[in-house]
Amino acid sequence: MNDDGKTTLLDMFMSNYTDLLRYMTRRLGKASDANDVVHDTFFRIRSLTFEAEIKNPKAYLFRVANSQMIDYLRRGRSRERYIIADSSYDAVDSRPSPERSADYKGRLDLLQRAIANLPARQKEVFLMHKFDGLRHAEIAARLNISRSAVEKLLIKAMANLRDALGDVID
């Protein structure tokens, strides 16, 4: 088939474009992949040189499209293999850096010292609320004090901690 045959095949492509796209979408499951394959098919047909005459241009067109689809799928699998192989290099270490760990440890030590230096009743109420997860009413019942007293002790404890920690608190 000569240039006249290529024209016939390109005409066949244009007149069957919608059918070809629908067929590829069914085969691949994604319209974007089907568009890529049909696009590749067009360029493949444009680049062909023909020696013999094609008896059924439509069947030939769909066969070229199927070949392009197979190549497309192979390229995708190959790409996935390399991306998966390379992904280990991109893994982010979720552990904090040694500097950050030291900073956290230092802050924790300051907080522990600040809590230890609170007046006894403030420390007791603060620990019951923050570490034991007790509500104000529960703390009041356990210590046999009013709920208002619990709230005042917590406010004073937080103010004392804020003063003790100063610039350490972010």
Protein backbone atom coordinates (compact mmCIF):
# COMPACT_ATOMS: atom_id res chain seq x y z
CA MET A 1 0.00 0.00 0.00
CA ASN A 2 1.41 3.40 -0.89
CA ASP A 3 0.69 6.90 0.44
CA ASP A 4 -2.83 6.53 -0.90
CA GLY A 5 -3.24 3.50 1.41
CA LYS A 6 -1.95 5.50 4.37
CA THR A 7 -4.56 8.14 3.59
CA THR A 8 -7.24 5.46 3.53
CA LEU A 9 -6.08 4.16 6.91
CA LEU A 10 -5.99 7.68 8.39
CA ASP A 11 -9.49 8.30 7.03
CA MET A 12 -10.56 5.01 8.63
CA PHE A 13 -9.04 6.18 11.91
CA MET A 14 -10.92 9.48 11.78
CA SER A 15 -14.27 7.90 10.90
CA ASN A 16 -13.89 5.22 13.63
CA TYR A 17 -12.31 7.41 16.27
CA THR A 18 -15.28 7.27 18.67
CA ASP A 19 -15.66 3.49 18.29
CA LEU A 20 -11.93 2.99 18.79
CA LEU A 21 -11.93 5.19 21.90
CA ARG A 22 -14.96 3.39 23.35
CA TYR A 23 -13.35 -0.01 22.64
CA MET A 24 -10.10 0.99 24.32
CA THR A 25 -11.94 2.45 27.31
CA ARG A 26 -13.74 -0.87 27.81
CA ARG A 27 -10.47 -2.79 27.53
CA LEU A 28 -8.41 -0.52 29.79
CA GLY A 29 -11.08 0.65 32.22
CA LYS A 30 -9.92 4.28 32.24
CA ALA A 31 -10.76 6.94 29.68
CA SER A 32 -7.40 8.68 30.20
CA ASP A 33 -5.48 5.48 29.40
CA ALA A 34 -7.72 4.88 26.37
CA ASN A 35 -7.01 8.41 25.12
CA ASP A 36 -3.27 7.77 25.41
CA VAL A 37 -3.50 4.51 23.46
CA VAL A 38 -5.68 6.00 20.71
CA HIS A 39 -3.26 8.92 20.45
CA ASP A 40 -0.33 6.50 20.14
CA THR A 41 -2.29 4.55 17.51
CA PHE A 42 -2.70 7.67 15.39
CA PHE A 43 1.02 8.40 15.44
CA ARG A 44 1.83 4.77 14.73
CA ILE A 45 -0.41 4.78 11.65
CA ARG A 46 1.10 8.06 10.45
CA SER A 47 4.60 6.59 10.66
CA LEU A 48 3.81 3.34 8.82
CA THR A 49 5.14 2.58 5.36
CA PHE A 50 3.17 0.01 3.39
CA GLU A 51 4.50 -2.62 1.03
CA ALA A 52 1.32 -4.62 0.50
CA GLU A 53 -2.33 -3.70 0.24
CA ILE A 54 -4.47 -3.99 3.37
CA LYS A 55 -7.65 -5.91 2.63
CA ASN A 56 -9.59 -4.79 5.74
CA PRO A 57 -8.37 -1.36 6.92
CA LYS A 58 -10.77 -1.23 9.89
CA ALA A 59 -9.59 -4.59 11.25
CA TYR A 60 -5.99 -3.49 10.68
CA LEU A 61 -6.66 -0.23 12.56
CA PHE A 62 -8.05 -2.09 15.58
CA ARG A 63 -5.15 -4.53 15.48
CA VAL A 64 -2.64 -1.65 15.54
CA ALA A 65 -4.61 -0.16 18.45
CA ASN A 66 -4.45 -3.47 20.33
CA SER A 67 -0.69 -3.63 19.80
CA GLN A 68 -0.35 -0.07 21.09
CA MET A 69 -2.45 -1.01 24.14
CA ILE A 70 -0.16 -3.96 24.92
CA ASP A 71 2.90 -1.72 24.62
CA TYR A 72 1.22 0.88 26.83
CA LEU A 73 0.47 -1.70 29.53
CA ARG A 74 4.02 -3.07 29.38
CA ARG A 75 5.48 0.41 29.78
CA GLY A 76 3.20 0.98 32.78
CA ARG A 77 4.28 -2.26 34.47
CA SER A 78 7.93 -1.47 33.81
CA ARG A 79 7.51 2.03 35.22
CA GLU A 80 5.80 0.66 38.35
CA ARG A 81 8.62 -1.82 38.89
CA TYR A 82 11.23 0.93 38.82
CA ILE A 83 9.17 3.32 40.91
CA ILE A 84 8.63 0.65 43.57
CA ALA A 85 12.33 -0.26 43.49
CA ASP A 86 13.35 3.40 43.84
CA SER A 87 10.78 4.23 46.50
CA SER A 88 12.99 2.81 49.24
CA TYR A 89 15.43 5.66 48.63
CA ASP A 90 12.67 8.22 49.13
CA ALA A 91 11.48 6.73 52.42
CA VAL A 92 11.34 9.37 55.10
CA ASP A 93 12.68 8.44 58.49
CA SER A 94 9.88 9.25 60.92
CA ARG A 95 12.19 9.24 63.94
CA PRO A 96 13.19 12.65 65.30
CA SER A 97 16.75 13.78 64.77
CA PRO A 98 19.20 13.40 67.68
CA GLU A 99 19.10 17.17 68.22
CA ARG A 100 15.30 17.18 68.40
CA SER A 101 15.32 14.18 70.76
CA ALA A 102 17.74 15.96 73.07
CA ASP A 103 15.58 19.09 72.96
CA TYR A 104 12.43 17.09 73.83
CA LYS A 105 14.22 15.32 76.67
CA GLY A 106 15.44 18.65 78.05
CA ARG A 107 11.95 20.12 77.90
CA LEU A 108 10.47 17.06 79.58
CA ASP A 109 13.02 17.31 82.39
CA LEU A 110 12.13 20.99 82.91
CA LEU A 111 8.42 20.14 82.99
CA GLN A 112 8.96 17.34 85.52
CA ARG A 113 10.97 19.66 87.76
CA ALA A 114 8.36 22.41 87.45
CA ILE A 115 5.57 19.98 88.41
CA ALA A 116 7.63 18.66 91.33
CA ASN A 117 8.07 22.24 92.60
CA LEU A 118 4.32 23.00 92.64
CA PRO A 119 2.67 23.34 96.05
CA ALA A 120 1.35 19.93 97.20
CA ARG A 121 -2.37 20.56 96.67
CA GLN A 122 -1.85 22.19 93.22
CA LYS A 123 0.38 19.30 92.15
CA GLU A 124 -2.16 16.73 93.34
CA VAL A 125 -5.07 18.38 91.49
CA PHE A 126 -2.97 19.00 88.36
CA LEU A 127 -1.81 15.36 88.16
CA MET A 128 -5.31 14.00 88.79
CA HIS A 129 -6.71 16.17 86.02
CA LYS A 130 -3.97 16.00 83.39
CA PHE A 131 -2.54 12.52 83.91
CA ASP A 132 -5.39 10.54 85.47
CA GLY A 133 -7.97 12.22 83.21
CA LEU A 134 -10.39 13.02 86.04
CA ARG A 135 -13.00 15.73 85.65
CA HIS A 136 -13.27 18.62 88.07
CA ALA A 137 -16.30 17.11 89.86
CA GLU A 138 -14.50 13.77 90.33
CA ILE A 139 -11.43 15.47 91.79
CA ALA A 140 -13.64 17.53 94.12
CA ALA A 141 -15.38 14.37 95.38
CA ARG A 142 -12.10 12.50 95.93
CA LEU A 143 -10.40 15.36 97.78
CA ASN A 144 -13.59 16.43 99.57
CA ILE A 145 -13.31 20.01 98.31
CA SER A 146 -15.59 22.18 96.17
CA ARG A 147 -15.51 22.13 92.40
CA SER A 148 -14.67 25.83 92.48
CA ALA A 149 -11.62 25.07 94.64
CA VAL A 150 -10.47 22.46 92.08
CA GLU A 151 -10.77 25.01 89.27
CA LYS A 152 -8.84 27.64 91.25
CA LEU A 153 -6.08 25.15 92.12
CA LEU A 154 -5.76 24.13 88.46
CA ILE A 155 -5.58 27.78 87.34
CA LYS A 156 -2.86 28.50 89.91
CA ALA A 157 -0.95 25.34 88.94
CA MET A 158 -1.04 26.28 85.24
CA ALA A 159 0.10 29.84 86.02
CA ASN A 160 2.98 28.53 88.16
CA LEU A 161 4.03 26.09 85.43
CA ARG A 162 3.87 28.83 82.81
CA ASP A 163 6.11 31.02 84.97
CA ALA A 164 8.54 28.18 85.68
CA LEU A 165 8.85 27.11 82.05
CA GLY A 166 9.01 30.62 80.61
CA ASP A 167 10.34 30.60 77.04
CA VAL A 168 10.51 26.79 76.85
CA ILE A 169 6.80 26.61 75.99
CA ASP A 170 6.13 27.03 72.30
